[in-house]
């Protein structure tokens, strides 16, 4: 600085600038949670208002498959209250277009959230999750947890480098699923098989209809086809539909050789727990079944009262749902 020059200070004093920076940082953090978790805007520095009551969790699927996800979540959170919704009026989702699936899911979930005061929604359907999650998260002011095929765990589990993806035809061809394969299964050979018939077989089994093993064997045969020499054989299969764990015994019986069947249930349960904690729920008070005085309420909801819905009553009761109601669309 030359002789006679003056230092010119513009803007706020340093102390005030530091204070302003802290406020801005808190705002950015709050905005992150708003965008990522869909929280209401809160610039106070707190992530969520603490909750000392059990959460109300909605589990949504087109049919009975989501009960496999509910079962895993309940293991971790037996004291929560659950509303299970089967959109049986629009079952199955697999053959529908993306636009049709989004419309069905949006309509049913909007009514479900409005009628039952949910704290969190689990979309326990791979087909719905792969196309409708962005829409639901942009429209609903509560956390939405989805289900995606367990590509990453399968890629870690394989010893031969050959994994399978067994899902609905719609899920198999989704660009989102192809992105998962590219990101998490690089270097693996992935054999993808889409089957709508298996969804119907699983749904029927859930309602006590006997399963034809030969029909299951026919549906999964492409997984075991082609030249697969020892050491380079399929050894892990992703169950990319929540209905398919209902057929685990039949899949094992129908497989050409032993493979590991991998579903997303445990991962979704862990994610559900983590998101609830992030939203202020004190889950340690209700998480351990040994510490739970009584389970929360269980309500099963269907979107259409028909013979299938009445037949499902016994199934719902096996999973602890004593009440069954109709969600009018």
Protein backbone atom coordinates (compact mmCIF):
# COMPACT_ATOMS: atom_id res chain seq x y z
CA UNK A 1 0.00 0.00 0.00
CA UNK A 2 1.52 3.33 -1.06
CA UNK A 3 2.15 6.34 1.14
CA UNK A 4 -1.05 8.15 1.97
CA UNK A 5 -3.19 5.28 0.72
CA UNK A 6 -6.17 4.37 2.80
CA UNK A 7 -7.52 0.88 3.56
CA UNK A 8 -11.15 0.85 2.51
CA UNK A 9 -13.45 -1.62 4.28
CA UNK A 10 -16.73 -2.49 2.60
CA UNK A 11 -19.65 -4.58 3.79
CA UNK A 12 -20.17 -5.81 7.36
CA UNK A 13 -17.56 -5.90 10.15
CA UNK A 14 -15.75 -9.23 10.49
CA UNK A 15 -17.67 -10.22 13.63
CA UNK A 16 -21.00 -9.66 11.90
CA UNK A 17 -19.84 -11.45 8.74
CA UNK A 18 -18.99 -14.54 10.83
CA UNK A 19 -22.41 -14.41 12.44
CA UNK A 20 -24.03 -14.06 9.02
CA UNK A 21 -22.05 -17.07 7.76
CA UNK A 22 -23.34 -19.22 10.62
CA UNK A 23 -26.92 -18.25 9.84
CA UNK A 24 -26.36 -19.05 6.16
CA UNK A 25 -24.80 -22.41 7.02
CA UNK A 26 -27.76 -23.33 9.21
CA UNK A 27 -30.11 -22.36 6.37
CA UNK A 28 -28.20 -24.54 3.88
CA UNK A 29 -28.30 -27.52 6.27
CA UNK A 30 -32.03 -27.02 6.81
CA UNK A 31 -32.58 -26.80 3.05
CA UNK A 32 -30.66 -30.07 2.57
CA UNK A 33 -33.00 -31.90 4.92
CA UNK A 34 -36.03 -30.36 3.27
CA UNK A 35 -34.93 -31.55 -0.16
CA UNK A 36 -33.62 -34.95 0.91
CA UNK A 37 -36.13 -35.99 3.56
CA UNK A 38 -39.04 -33.70 2.61
CA UNK A 39 -39.04 -32.06 6.05
CA UNK A 40 -40.93 -28.85 6.68
CA UNK A 41 -38.57 -25.89 6.43
CA UNK A 42 -36.85 -25.29 9.77
CA UNK A 43 -33.98 -22.84 10.07
CA UNK A 44 -33.55 -23.28 13.81
CA UNK A 45 -30.80 -25.86 13.40
CA UNK A 46 -32.99 -28.80 14.54
CA UNK A 47 -33.65 -31.68 12.17
CA UNK A 48 -37.07 -32.58 13.52
CA UNK A 49 -39.42 -32.20 16.46
CA UNK A 50 -38.83 -35.03 18.97
CA UNK A 51 -41.57 -37.68 19.14
CA UNK A 52 -41.95 -39.95 22.17
CA UNK A 53 -44.95 -41.81 20.75
CA UNK A 54 -44.86 -44.82 18.42
CA UNK A 55 -44.92 -43.91 14.72
CA UNK A 56 -47.75 -44.74 12.36
CA UNK A 57 -46.23 -46.51 9.36
CA UNK A 58 -48.07 -47.09 6.10
CA UNK A 59 -47.01 -50.02 3.91
CA UNK A 60 -48.35 -49.92 0.36
CA UNK A 61 -48.38 -52.53 -2.40
CA UNK A 62 -50.58 -53.62 -5.28
CA UNK A 63 -51.30 -56.92 -3.50
CA UNK A 64 -49.96 -59.19 -0.77
CA UNK A 65 -46.25 -58.99 -1.61
CA UNK A 66 -45.66 -55.96 0.60
CA UNK A 67 -46.46 -58.11 3.62
CA UNK A 68 -42.94 -59.54 3.27
CA UNK A 69 -41.59 -56.01 3.74
CA UNK A 70 -43.97 -55.32 6.63
CA UNK A 71 -42.76 -58.51 8.33
CA UNK A 72 -39.14 -57.34 8.22
CA UNK A 73 -39.99 -53.84 9.47
CA UNK A 74 -42.09 -55.21 12.31
CA UNK A 75 -39.12 -57.25 13.56
CA UNK A 76 -37.30 -53.97 14.21
CA UNK A 77 -40.31 -51.89 15.26
CA UNK A 78 -42.94 -54.13 16.89
CA UNK A 79 -44.38 -51.24 18.91
CA UNK A 80 -45.25 -49.12 15.88
CA UNK A 81 -48.76 -48.89 14.46
CA UNK A 82 -49.15 -50.13 10.89
CA UNK A 83 -51.60 -49.55 8.07
CA UNK A 84 -51.15 -52.04 5.25
CA UNK A 85 -52.78 -51.04 1.96
CA UNK A 86 -53.36 -53.48 -0.88
CA UNK A 87 -54.41 -51.73 -4.08
CA UNK A 88 -56.28 -54.81 -5.21
CA UNK A 89 -58.55 -52.73 -7.45
CA UNK A 90 -55.56 -52.16 -9.75
CA UNK A 91 -53.61 -55.41 -9.23
CA UNK A 92 -51.24 -56.24 -10.87
CA UNK A 93 -48.99 -53.25 -11.60
CA UNK A 94 -46.41 -55.14 -13.66
CA UNK A 95 -48.17 -55.00 -17.07
CA UNK A 96 -49.20 -51.34 -16.69
CA UNK A 97 -47.44 -48.39 -18.32
CA UNK A 98 -45.36 -46.06 -16.17
CA UNK A 99 -48.05 -43.38 -16.42
CA UNK A 100 -50.73 -45.81 -15.29
CA UNK A 101 -48.65 -46.99 -12.32
CA UNK A 102 -47.94 -43.43 -11.19
CA UNK A 103 -51.64 -42.54 -11.42
CA UNK A 104 -52.69 -45.60 -9.40
CA UNK A 105 -50.06 -45.09 -6.70
CA UNK A 106 -50.65 -41.35 -6.39
CA UNK A 107 -54.41 -41.78 -6.02
CA UNK A 108 -54.28 -44.57 -3.45
CA UNK A 109 -51.44 -43.11 -1.37
CA UNK A 110 -53.01 -39.65 -1.27
CA UNK A 111 -56.15 -41.14 0.27
CA UNK A 112 -54.15 -43.42 2.56
CA UNK A 113 -52.11 -40.56 4.03
CA UNK A 114 -55.17 -38.32 4.42
CA UNK A 115 -57.28 -40.99 6.12
CA UNK A 116 -54.78 -42.57 8.51
CA UNK A 117 -52.40 -39.83 9.64
CA UNK A 118 -49.22 -41.62 8.61
CA UNK A 119 -45.79 -40.56 9.86
CA UNK A 120 -43.96 -42.49 7.13
CA UNK A 121 -44.96 -44.32 3.96
CA UNK A 122 -43.19 -47.43 2.66
CA UNK A 123 -43.88 -48.17 -1.00
CA UNK A 124 -43.37 -51.92 -0.74
CA UNK A 125 -43.57 -52.57 -4.47
CA UNK A 126 -40.57 -52.56 -6.80
CA UNK A 127 -42.62 -51.60 -9.86
CA UNK A 128 -44.19 -48.63 -8.07
CA UNK A 129 -40.92 -47.56 -6.44
CA UNK A 130 -38.95 -47.46 -9.67
CA UNK A 131 -41.39 -45.03 -11.32
CA UNK A 132 -43.48 -43.25 -8.67
CA UNK A 133 -41.08 -42.34 -5.84
CA UNK A 134 -40.00 -38.96 -7.28
CA UNK A 135 -43.63 -37.93 -7.69
CA UNK A 136 -44.63 -39.05 -4.19
CA UNK A 137 -41.67 -37.35 -2.55
CA UNK A 138 -42.39 -34.11 -4.34
CA UNK A 139 -46.08 -34.08 -3.39
CA UNK A 140 -46.20 -35.54 0.12
CA UNK A 141 -44.92 -33.80 3.25
CA UNK A 142 -43.81 -36.96 4.99
CA UNK A 143 -40.88 -39.32 4.38
CA UNK A 144 -41.39 -41.95 1.69
CA UNK A 145 -39.22 -45.08 1.67
CA UNK A 146 -39.09 -47.17 -1.49
CA UNK A 147 -37.99 -50.66 -2.46
CA UNK A 148 -35.34 -51.23 -5.10
CA UNK A 149 -33.82 -54.51 -6.32
CA UNK A 150 -30.90 -55.63 -4.15
CA UNK A 151 -28.34 -55.46 -6.95
CA UNK A 152 -25.51 -54.24 -4.73
CA UNK A 153 -25.84 -57.02 -2.09
CA UNK A 154 -26.02 -59.63 -4.83
CA UNK A 155 -22.88 -58.28 -6.50
CA UNK A 156 -21.10 -58.52 -3.15
CA UNK A 157 -22.44 -62.01 -2.45
CA UNK A 158 -21.56 -63.71 -5.76
CA UNK A 159 -18.43 -65.83 -5.94
CA UNK A 160 -18.73 -66.63 -9.63
CA UNK A 161 -19.50 -63.15 -10.95
CA UNK A 162 -22.85 -64.25 -12.38
CA UNK A 163 -26.03 -62.94 -10.76
CA UNK A 164 -29.68 -63.01 -11.72
CA UNK A 165 -32.48 -60.47 -11.51
CA UNK A 166 -35.96 -61.96 -11.22
CA UNK A 167 -38.64 -59.26 -11.34
CA UNK A 168 -41.69 -58.13 -13.26
CA UNK A 169 -41.13 -57.29 -16.95
CA UNK A 170 -41.68 -53.61 -16.14
CA UNK A 171 -39.04 -53.53 -13.40
CA UNK A 172 -36.50 -55.40 -15.53
CA UNK A 173 -36.68 -52.87 -18.34
CA UNK A 174 -36.70 -49.70 -16.18
CA UNK A 175 -33.75 -47.39 -16.84
CA UNK A 176 -33.43 -46.92 -13.07
CA UNK A 177 -32.72 -50.63 -12.63
CA UNK A 178 -30.22 -50.60 -15.47
CA UNK A 179 -28.48 -47.73 -13.71
CA UNK A 180 -28.27 -49.82 -10.53
CA UNK A 181 -26.69 -52.65 -12.50
CA UNK A 182 -24.14 -50.32 -14.12
CA UNK A 183 -23.28 -48.67 -10.81
CA UNK A 184 -23.17 -51.63 -8.43
CA UNK A 185 -22.65 -54.75 -10.56
CA UNK A 186 -19.81 -53.62 -12.80
CA UNK A 187 -17.79 -56.66 -13.78
CA UNK A 188 -20.69 -59.05 -13.12
CA UNK A 189 -22.73 -60.87 -15.70
CA UNK A 190 -26.39 -60.14 -14.96
CA UNK A 191 -29.12 -62.45 -16.26
CA UNK A 192 -32.46 -60.63 -16.12
CA UNK A 193 -35.80 -62.43 -16.25
CA UNK A 194 -39.19 -60.73 -16.13
CA UNK A 195 -42.24 -62.71 -15.07
CA UNK A 196 -45.77 -61.45 -14.45
CA UNK A 197 -47.00 -64.99 -13.99
CA UNK A 198 -44.90 -65.50 -10.85
CA UNK A 199 -46.58 -62.49 -9.26
CA UNK A 200 -49.99 -64.12 -9.75
CA UNK A 201 -48.68 -67.46 -8.49
CA UNK A 202 -47.30 -65.79 -5.35
CA UNK A 203 -50.53 -63.86 -4.79
CA UNK A 204 -52.53 -67.07 -5.13
CA UNK A 205 -50.24 -68.89 -2.71
CA UNK A 206 -50.75 -66.11 -0.17
CA UNK A 207 -54.46 -66.93 -0.40
CA UNK A 208 -53.80 -70.67 0.15
CA UNK A 209 -53.97 -71.74 -3.50
CA UNK A 210 -51.58 -74.70 -4.15
CA UNK A 211 -48.49 -73.94 -6.24
CA UNK A 212 -47.50 -75.98 -9.28
CA UNK A 213 -43.70 -76.41 -9.01
CA UNK A 214 -43.42 -77.16 -12.71
CA UNK A 215 -44.97 -73.80 -13.52
CA UNK A 216 -42.45 -72.07 -11.26
CA UNK A 217 -39.62 -74.07 -12.87
CA UNK A 218 -40.77 -72.93 -16.31
CA UNK A 219 -40.82 -69.25 -15.25
CA UNK A 220 -37.30 -69.27 -13.79
CA UNK A 221 -35.72 -71.59 -16.40
CA UNK A 222 -34.04 -68.70 -18.33
CA UNK A 223 -31.93 -67.95 -15.24
CA UNK A 224 -30.28 -71.32 -15.58
CA UNK A 225 -30.13 -71.52 -19.38
CA UNK A 226 -27.24 -71.15 -21.80
CA UNK A 227 -23.69 -72.29 -21.20
CA UNK A 228 -22.80 -71.87 -17.54
CA UNK A 229 -19.68 -73.94 -16.86
CA UNK A 230 -18.61 -74.74 -13.28
CA UNK A 231 -16.98 -71.71 -11.73
CA UNK A 232 -18.94 -69.36 -13.97
CA UNK A 233 -22.47 -70.29 -12.98
CA UNK A 234 -25.25 -68.20 -11.59
CA UNK A 235 -25.01 -68.30 -7.78
CA UNK A 236 -27.10 -65.34 -6.54
CA UNK A 237 -30.52 -64.11 -7.67
CA UNK A 238 -32.10 -60.79 -6.77
CA UNK A 239 -35.80 -61.10 -5.99
CA UNK A 240 -36.87 -57.84 -7.60
CA UNK A 241 -40.54 -58.12 -6.64
CA UNK A 242 -41.82 -58.15 -3.07
CA UNK A 243 -44.20 -60.99 -3.96
CA UNK A 244 -41.37 -63.38 -4.74
CA UNK A 245 -40.14 -64.09 -1.17
CA UNK A 246 -43.56 -65.70 -0.66
CA UNK A 247 -42.35 -68.38 -3.11
CA UNK A 248 -38.96 -69.01 -1.55
CA UNK A 249 -39.60 -72.73 -0.87
CA UNK A 250 -40.90 -73.24 -4.40
CA UNK A 251 -38.00 -71.32 -5.95
CA UNK A 252 -35.50 -73.50 -4.11
CA UNK A 253 -37.32 -76.63 -5.24
CA UNK A 254 -37.52 -75.48 -8.86
CA UNK A 255 -33.94 -74.19 -9.25
CA UNK A 256 -31.63 -76.20 -11.50
CA UNK A 257 -28.91 -75.90 -8.84
CA UNK A 258 -28.65 -74.22 -5.43
CA UNK A 259 -28.47 -70.42 -5.53
CA UNK A 260 -28.83 -67.67 -2.99
CA UNK A 261 -32.08 -65.70 -3.27
CA UNK A 262 -31.64 -62.09 -2.12
CA UNK A 263 -34.48 -59.68 -1.34
CA UNK A 264 -34.62 -56.10 -0.05
CA UNK A 265 -36.66 -56.66 3.11
CA UNK A 266 -33.92 -56.25 5.70
CA UNK A 267 -32.46 -53.21 3.94
CA UNK A 268 -35.87 -51.50 3.75
CA UNK A 269 -36.46 -52.19 7.45
CA UNK A 270 -33.10 -50.65 8.36
CA UNK A 271 -33.79 -47.63 6.14
CA UNK A 272 -37.23 -47.15 7.69
CA UNK A 273 -35.76 -47.14 11.17
CA UNK A 274 -33.02 -44.67 10.20
CA UNK A 275 -35.45 -42.24 8.56
CA UNK A 276 -37.78 -42.30 11.57
CA UNK A 277 -34.87 -41.51 13.86
CA UNK A 278 -33.88 -38.63 11.58
CA UNK A 279 -37.44 -37.35 11.96
CA UNK A 280 -37.24 -37.27 15.72
CA UNK A 281 -38.79 -40.58 16.79
CA UNK A 282 -37.23 -42.10 19.93
CA UNK A 283 -37.32 -45.66 18.68
CA UNK A 284 -35.25 -47.15 21.49
CA UNK A 285 -38.39 -46.81 23.60
CA UNK A 286 -40.36 -49.11 21.28
CA UNK A 287 -37.79 -51.09 19.26
CA UNK A 288 -37.10 -54.10 21.43
CA UNK A 289 -40.01 -56.53 21.50
CA UNK A 290 -39.00 -57.47 25.03
CA UNK A 291 -39.66 -53.92 26.16
CA UNK A 292 -42.94 -53.43 24.32
CA UNK A 293 -45.98 -53.66 26.58
CA UNK A 294 -48.25 -54.15 23.57
CA UNK A 295 -48.04 -53.94 19.83
CA UNK A 296 -49.43 -50.93 18.03
CA UNK A 297 -52.63 -51.14 16.05
CA UNK A 298 -52.65 -53.13 12.83
CA UNK A 299 -55.10 -52.10 10.11
CA UNK A 300 -55.36 -53.73 6.70
CA UNK A 301 -56.87 -51.68 3.89
CA UNK A 302 -58.06 -52.76 0.45
CA UNK A 303 -59.16 -50.53 -2.42
CA UNK A 304 -61.86 -52.85 -3.70
CA UNK A 305 -64.30 -55.09 -1.82
CA UNK A 306 -64.46 -58.30 -3.84
CA UNK A 307 -64.12 -62.02 -3.30
CA UNK A 308 -60.33 -61.74 -3.30
CA UNK A 309 -60.39 -59.08 -0.59
CA UNK A 310 -62.67 -61.22 1.57
CA UNK A 311 -60.41 -64.20 0.99
CA UNK A 312 -57.43 -62.08 2.07
CA UNK A 313 -58.85 -61.66 5.56
CA UNK A 314 -57.25 -64.90 6.74
CA UNK A 315 -53.92 -63.81 5.24
CA UNK A 316 -54.04 -60.43 6.95
CA UNK A 317 -54.84 -62.10 10.26
CA UNK A 318 -51.78 -64.35 9.94
CA UNK A 319 -49.70 -61.18 9.85
CA UNK A 320 -51.50 -59.69 12.84
CA UNK A 321 -54.00 -57.44 11.03
CA UNK A 322 -57.33 -57.95 12.76
CA UNK A 323 -59.09 -54.95 11.23
CA UNK A 324 -59.84 -54.69 7.50
CA UNK A 325 -61.22 -51.55 5.93
CA UNK A 326 -61.98 -50.24 2.44
CA UNK A 327 -60.11 -47.24 1.05
CA UNK A 328 -62.50 -45.55 -1.38
CA UNK A 329 -60.64 -44.19 -4.40
